Amino acid sequence: MNIVLYEPEMPANTGNIGRTCVATNTRLHLIEPLGFKINEKSLKRAGLDYWDKLDVTVYCDFGDFLEKNPGARIYMATTKAGKVYTEVEYGSEDYLMFGPESRGIPEEILVEYPESCVRIPMWGDIRSLNLSNSAAILLYEALRQNGFHQMSLKGQLHRLNWKGDGSEG
């Protein structure tokens, strides 16, 4: 999978998304201008010690991204979409794109991809969800639809055993 952040503004959100990308073997694509420097402490702190394991590419603008990813199937998260994110069948190589925290993906881009725009349902007059939460919601739906391919599906206790797993006693 691929996460695309169009002109992200907040290093903490990008760091959190980077950590999610590492945990899910997802590539991160950053489209400039960025609201921070890639080496900023808060960015790395949010990604903790995972940033060096992240597969990340930076592009000078949206045109550069499209040129370097020809044929990319992009789903754009926006509160303006008429389709809910769960109505889509995601492929394992799809791109999930999110706009800057303060304004979202520009409408000039959205109108070029009307069938690819998806929204996360919300109650009331809330403007939007946090960017890193939104990215996680869409990414995990796409991963679920693809069977969580090569991901760990079972966990283990460190000191004890789960009851009924045959190892107690």
C-alpha atoms as a PDB file:
ATOM      1  CA  MET A   1       0.000   0.000   0.000  1.00  0.00           C
ATOM      2  CA  ASN A   2       0.945   3.636  -0.329  1.00  0.00           C
ATOM      3  CA  ILE A   3       0.093   6.719   1.727  1.00  0.00           C
ATOM      4  CA  VAL A   4       0.426  10.090  -0.010  1.00  0.00           C
ATOM      5  CA  LEU A   5       0.549  13.298   2.025  1.00  0.00           C
ATOM      6  CA  TYR A   6      -0.043  16.374  -0.099  1.00  0.00           C
ATOM      7  CA  GLU A   7       1.716  19.358   1.489  1.00  0.00           C
ATOM      8  CA  PRO A   8       1.548  18.112   5.097  1.00  0.00           C
ATOM      9  CA  GLU A   9       1.908  20.896   7.659  1.00  0.00           C
ATOM     10  CA  MET A  10       2.392  19.250  11.053  1.00  0.00           C
ATOM     11  CA  PRO A  11       5.482  17.147  11.751  1.00  0.00           C
ATOM     12  CA  ALA A  12       3.800  15.160  14.535  1.00  0.00           C
ATOM     13  CA  ASN A  13       1.067  13.907  12.181  1.00  0.00           C
ATOM     14  CA  THR A  14       3.601  12.961   9.518  1.00  0.00           C
ATOM     15  CA  GLY A  15       5.719  11.189  12.142  1.00  0.00           C
ATOM     16  CA  ASN A  16       2.712   9.229  13.404  1.00  0.00           C
ATOM     17  CA  ILE A  17       1.762   8.276   9.851  1.00  0.00           C
ATOM     18  CA  GLY A  18       5.364   7.249   9.192  1.00  0.00           C
ATOM     19  CA  ARG A  19       5.253   4.916  12.170  1.00  0.00           C
ATOM     20  CA  THR A  20       1.981   3.417  10.928  1.00  0.00           C
ATOM     21  CA  CYS A  21       3.563   2.941   7.512  1.00  0.00           C
ATOM     22  CA  VAL A  22       6.511   1.051   9.020  1.00  0.00           C
ATOM     23  CA  ALA A  23       4.140  -1.147  11.064  1.00  0.00           C
ATOM     24  CA  THR A  24       2.141  -2.024   7.937  1.00  0.00           C
ATOM     25  CA  ASN A  25       4.942  -2.189   5.323  1.00  0.00           C
ATOM     26  CA  THR A  26       3.388   0.791   3.545  1.00  0.00           C
ATOM     27  CA  ARG A  27       5.308   3.312   1.446  1.00  0.00           C
ATOM     28  CA  LEU A  28       4.999   6.997   2.356  1.00  0.00           C
ATOM     29  CA  HIS A  29       4.974   9.679  -0.345  1.00  0.00           C
ATOM     30  CA  LEU A  30       5.377  13.343   0.671  1.00  0.00           C
ATOM     31  CA  ILE A  31       4.473  16.108  -1.775  1.00  0.00           C
ATOM     32  CA  GLU A  32       6.151  19.464  -1.157  1.00  0.00           C
ATOM     33  CA  PRO A  33       6.051  22.047   0.127  1.00  0.00           C
ATOM     34  CA  LEU A  34       6.212  20.519   3.587  1.00  0.00           C
ATOM     35  CA  GLY A  35       5.399  22.568   6.670  1.00  0.00           C
ATOM     36  CA  PHE A  36       8.564  21.284   8.368  1.00  0.00           C
ATOM     37  CA  LYS A  37      12.046  19.973   7.654  1.00  0.00           C
ATOM     38  CA  ILE A  38      12.327  16.224   7.178  1.00  0.00           C
ATOM     39  CA  ASN A  39      14.990  16.071   9.915  1.00  0.00           C
ATOM     40  CA  GLU A  40      12.907  17.970  12.462  1.00  0.00           C
ATOM     41  CA  LYS A  41      13.038  16.536  15.986  1.00  0.00           C
ATOM     42  CA  SER A  42       9.259  16.486  16.447  1.00  0.00           C
ATOM     43  CA  LEU A  43       8.852  14.498  13.223  1.00  0.00           C
ATOM     44  CA  LYS A  44      11.292  11.836  14.363  1.00  0.00           C
ATOM     45  CA  ARG A  45       9.926  11.875  17.920  1.00  0.00           C
ATOM     46  CA  ALA A  46       6.414  11.123  16.633  1.00  0.00           C
ATOM     47  CA  GLY A  47       7.812   8.282  14.517  1.00  0.00           C
ATOM     48  CA  LEU A  48       9.975   7.229  17.460  1.00  0.00           C
ATOM     49  CA  ASP A  49      12.862   4.998  16.450  1.00  0.00           C
ATOM     50  CA  TYR A  50      11.105   3.803  13.306  1.00  0.00           C
ATOM     51  CA  TRP A  51      11.899   6.694  10.946  1.00  0.00           C
ATOM     52  CA  ASP A  52      15.076   5.047   9.580  1.00  0.00           C
ATOM     53  CA  LYS A  53      13.011   1.977   8.597  1.00  0.00           C
ATOM     54  CA  LEU A  54      10.478   4.039   6.636  1.00  0.00           C
ATOM     55  CA  ASP A  55      10.240   3.767   2.845  1.00  0.00           C
ATOM     56  CA  VAL A  56       9.648   7.455   2.062  1.00  0.00           C
ATOM     57  CA  THR A  57       9.872   9.478  -1.144  1.00  0.00           C
ATOM     58  CA  VAL A  58       9.590  13.263  -1.415  1.00  0.00           C
ATOM     59  CA  TYR A  59       8.239  15.000  -4.557  1.00  0.00           C
ATOM     60  CA  CYS A  60       8.551  18.673  -5.508  1.00  0.00           C
ATOM     61  CA  ASP A  61       4.828  18.907  -6.469  1.00  0.00           C
ATOM     62  CA  PHE A  62       1.789  16.846  -7.475  1.00  0.00           C
ATOM     63  CA  GLY A  63       2.895  16.745 -11.119  1.00  0.00           C
ATOM     64  CA  ASP A  64       6.236  15.255 -10.068  1.00  0.00           C
ATOM     65  CA  PHE A  65       4.388  12.620  -8.014  1.00  0.00           C
ATOM     66  CA  LEU A  66       2.179  11.670 -10.991  1.00  0.00           C
ATOM     67  CA  GLU A  67       5.155  11.553 -13.349  1.00  0.00           C
ATOM     68  CA  LYS A  68       7.127   9.233 -11.051  1.00  0.00           C
ATOM     69  CA  ASN A  69       4.120   6.978 -10.306  1.00  0.00           C
ATOM     70  CA  PRO A  70       2.480   6.481 -13.714  1.00  0.00           C
ATOM     71  CA  GLY A  71      -0.835   4.658 -13.618  1.00  0.00           C
ATOM     72  CA  ALA A  72      -1.134   5.007  -9.841  1.00  0.00           C
ATOM     73  CA  ARG A  73      -4.641   4.238  -8.630  1.00  0.00           C
ATOM     74  CA  ILE A  74      -5.217   7.051  -6.146  1.00  0.00           C
ATOM     75  CA  TYR A  75      -8.013   7.383  -3.607  1.00  0.00           C
ATOM     76  CA  MET A  76      -8.326  10.883  -2.191  1.00  0.00           C
ATOM     77  CA  ALA A  77      -9.681  11.367   1.300  1.00  0.00           C
ATOM     78  CA  THR A  78     -11.855  14.448   1.541  1.00  0.00           C
ATOM     79  CA  THR A  79     -14.824  15.624   3.579  1.00  0.00           C
ATOM     80  CA  LYS A  80     -16.311  16.826   0.270  1.00  0.00           C
ATOM     81  CA  ALA A  81     -16.717  13.336  -1.253  1.00  0.00           C
ATOM     82  CA  GLY A  82     -20.087  11.704  -1.824  1.00  0.00           C
ATOM     83  CA  LYS A  83     -18.731   8.164  -1.402  1.00  0.00           C
ATOM     84  CA  VAL A  84     -17.755   6.534   1.908  1.00  0.00           C
ATOM     85  CA  TYR A  85     -14.299   4.934   2.115  1.00  0.00           C
ATOM     86  CA  THR A  86     -15.813   1.481   2.790  1.00  0.00           C
ATOM     87  CA  GLU A  87     -17.606   1.521  -0.583  1.00  0.00           C
ATOM     88  CA  VAL A  88     -14.290   1.067  -2.409  1.00  0.00           C
ATOM     89  CA  GLU A  89     -12.462  -2.150  -3.293  1.00  0.00           C
ATOM     90  CA  TYR A  90      -8.808  -1.391  -2.614  1.00  0.00           C
ATOM     91  CA  GLY A  91      -5.940  -3.123  -4.357  1.00  0.00           C
ATOM     92  CA  SER A  92      -2.702  -3.968  -2.588  1.00  0.00           C
ATOM     93  CA  GLU A  93      -0.741  -1.323  -4.521  1.00  0.00           C
ATOM     94  CA  ASP A  94      -3.247   1.542  -4.288  1.00  0.00           C
ATOM     95  CA  TYR A  95      -2.406   5.056  -3.130  1.00  0.00           C
ATOM     96  CA  LEU A  96      -4.363   6.720  -0.325  1.00  0.00           C
ATOM     97  CA  MET A  97      -3.935  10.485  -0.525  1.00  0.00           C
ATOM     98  CA  PHE A  98      -4.547  13.080   2.188  1.00  0.00           C
ATOM     99  CA  GLY A  99      -4.327  16.862   2.055  1.00  0.00           C
ATOM    100  CA  PRO A 100      -2.794  19.400   4.411  1.00  0.00           C
ATOM    101  CA  GLU A 101      -4.297  19.609   7.872  1.00  0.00           C
ATOM    102  CA  SER A 102      -5.657  23.151   7.513  1.00  0.00           C
ATOM    103  CA  ARG A 103      -7.358  22.898   4.111  1.00  0.00           C
ATOM    104  CA  GLY A 104      -7.390  19.387   2.646  1.00  0.00           C
ATOM    105  CA  ILE A 105      -6.676  18.411  -0.950  1.00  0.00           C
ATOM    106  CA  PRO A 106      -7.304  21.382  -3.292  1.00  0.00           C
ATOM    107  CA  GLU A 107     -10.597  21.247  -5.158  1.00  0.00           C
ATOM    108  CA  GLU A 108      -8.665  21.744  -8.422  1.00  0.00           C
ATOM    109  CA  ILE A 109      -7.173  18.276  -7.877  1.00  0.00           C
ATOM    110  CA  LEU A 110     -10.362  16.679  -6.510  1.00  0.00           C
ATOM    111  CA  VAL A 111     -12.453  17.585  -9.570  1.00  0.00           C
ATOM    112  CA  GLU A 112      -9.976  15.680 -11.762  1.00  0.00           C
ATOM    113  CA  TYR A 113     -10.626  12.473  -9.758  1.00  0.00           C
ATOM    114  CA  PRO A 114     -14.344  12.471  -8.841  1.00  0.00           C
ATOM    115  CA  GLU A 115     -14.664   8.667  -8.700  1.00  0.00           C
ATOM    116  CA  SER A 116     -11.589   8.385  -6.483  1.00  0.00           C
ATOM    117  CA  CYS A 117     -12.754  10.739  -3.729  1.00  0.00           C
ATOM    118  CA  VAL A 118     -13.811   9.074  -0.468  1.00  0.00           C
ATOM    119  CA  ARG A 119     -14.901  10.330   2.905  1.00  0.00           C
ATOM    120  CA  ILE A 120     -14.943   9.097   6.473  1.00  0.00           C
ATOM    121  CA  PRO A 121     -18.435   9.529   7.970  1.00  0.00           C
ATOM    122  CA  MET A 122     -18.650  11.955  10.877  1.00  0.00           C
ATOM    123  CA  TRP A 123     -21.433  13.167  13.112  1.00  0.00           C
ATOM    124  CA  GLY A 124     -22.448  16.781  13.450  1.00  0.00           C
ATOM    125  CA  ASP A 125     -20.562  19.837  12.317  1.00  0.00           C
ATOM    126  CA  ILE A 126     -17.030  18.602  12.967  1.00  0.00           C
ATOM    127  CA  ARG A 127     -14.735  19.891  10.204  1.00  0.00           C
ATOM    128  CA  SER A 128     -12.494  16.831   9.969  1.00  0.00           C
ATOM    129  CA  LEU A 129     -10.648  14.137  11.859  1.00  0.00           C
ATOM    130  CA  ASN A 130      -6.965  14.295  12.744  1.00  0.00           C
ATOM    131  CA  LEU A 131      -4.790  13.509   9.704  1.00  0.00           C
ATOM    132  CA  SER A 132      -2.937  10.578  11.250  1.00  0.00           C
ATOM    133  CA  ASN A 133      -6.219   9.055  12.461  1.00  0.00           C
ATOM    134  CA  SER A 134      -7.773   9.447   9.014  1.00  0.00           C
ATOM    135  CA  ALA A 135      -4.767   7.819   7.347  1.00  0.00           C
ATOM    136  CA  ALA A 136      -4.921   4.878   9.764  1.00  0.00           C
ATOM    137  CA  ILE A 137      -8.662   4.380   9.230  1.00  0.00           C
ATOM    138  CA  LEU A 138      -8.386   4.188   5.437  1.00  0.00           C
ATOM    139  CA  LEU A 139      -5.145   2.225   5.427  1.00  0.00           C
ATOM    140  CA  TYR A 140      -6.435  -0.480   7.758  1.00  0.00           C
ATOM    141  CA  GLU A 141      -9.636  -0.867   5.726  1.00  0.00           C
ATOM    142  CA  ALA A 142      -7.533  -1.346   2.594  1.00  0.00           C
ATOM    143  CA  LEU A 143      -5.252  -3.808   4.396  1.00  0.00           C
ATOM    144  CA  ARG A 144      -8.273  -5.698   5.785  1.00  0.00           C
ATOM    145  CA  GLN A 145      -9.734  -6.019   2.300  1.00  0.00           C
ATOM    146  CA  ASN A 146      -6.429  -7.481   1.149  1.00  0.00           C
ATOM    147  CA  GLY A 147      -6.301 -10.045   3.956  1.00  0.00           C
ATOM    148  CA  PHE A 148      -3.629  -8.233   5.987  1.00  0.00           C
ATOM    149  CA  HIS A 149      -1.111  -9.800   3.598  1.00  0.00           C
ATOM    150  CA  GLN A 150       2.062 -10.935   5.432  1.00  0.00           C
ATOM    151  CA  MET A 151       1.071  -9.124   8.632  1.00  0.00           C
ATOM    152  CA  SER A 152       1.122 -10.689  12.096  1.00  0.00           C
ATOM    153  CA  LEU A 153      -2.424 -11.707  12.949  1.00  0.00           C
ATOM    154  CA  LYS A 154      -1.785 -13.198  16.400  1.00  0.00           C
ATOM    155  CA  GLY A 155      -0.085 -11.781  19.441  1.00  0.00           C
ATOM    156  CA  GLN A 156       1.411 -13.404  22.514  1.00  0.00           C
ATOM    157  CA  LEU A 157       1.551 -12.487  26.153  1.00  0.00           C
ATOM    158  CA  HIS A 158       5.109 -11.928  27.396  1.00  0.00           C
ATOM    159  CA  ARG A 159       4.966 -13.521  30.838  1.00  0.00           C
ATOM    160  CA  LEU A 160       1.736 -15.552  30.877  1.00  0.00           C
ATOM    161  CA  ASN A 161      -0.295 -17.715  28.509  1.00  0.00           C
ATOM    162  CA  TRP A 162      -3.818 -17.160  27.251  1.00  0.00           C
ATOM    163  CA  LYS A 163      -6.355 -19.485  28.880  1.00  0.00           C
ATOM    164  CA  GLY A 164      -7.448 -22.272  26.592  1.00  0.00           C
ATOM    165  CA  ASP A 165      -4.421 -22.200  24.284  1.00  0.00           C
ATOM    166  CA  GLY A 166      -3.186 -25.580  25.557  1.00  0.00           C
ATOM    167  CA  SER A 167      -0.097 -24.200  27.264  1.00  0.00           C
ATOM    168  CA  GLU A 168      -1.435 -23.486  30.761  1.00  0.00           C
ATOM    169  CA  GLY A 169      -0.579 -25.661  33.693  1.00  0.00           C
END
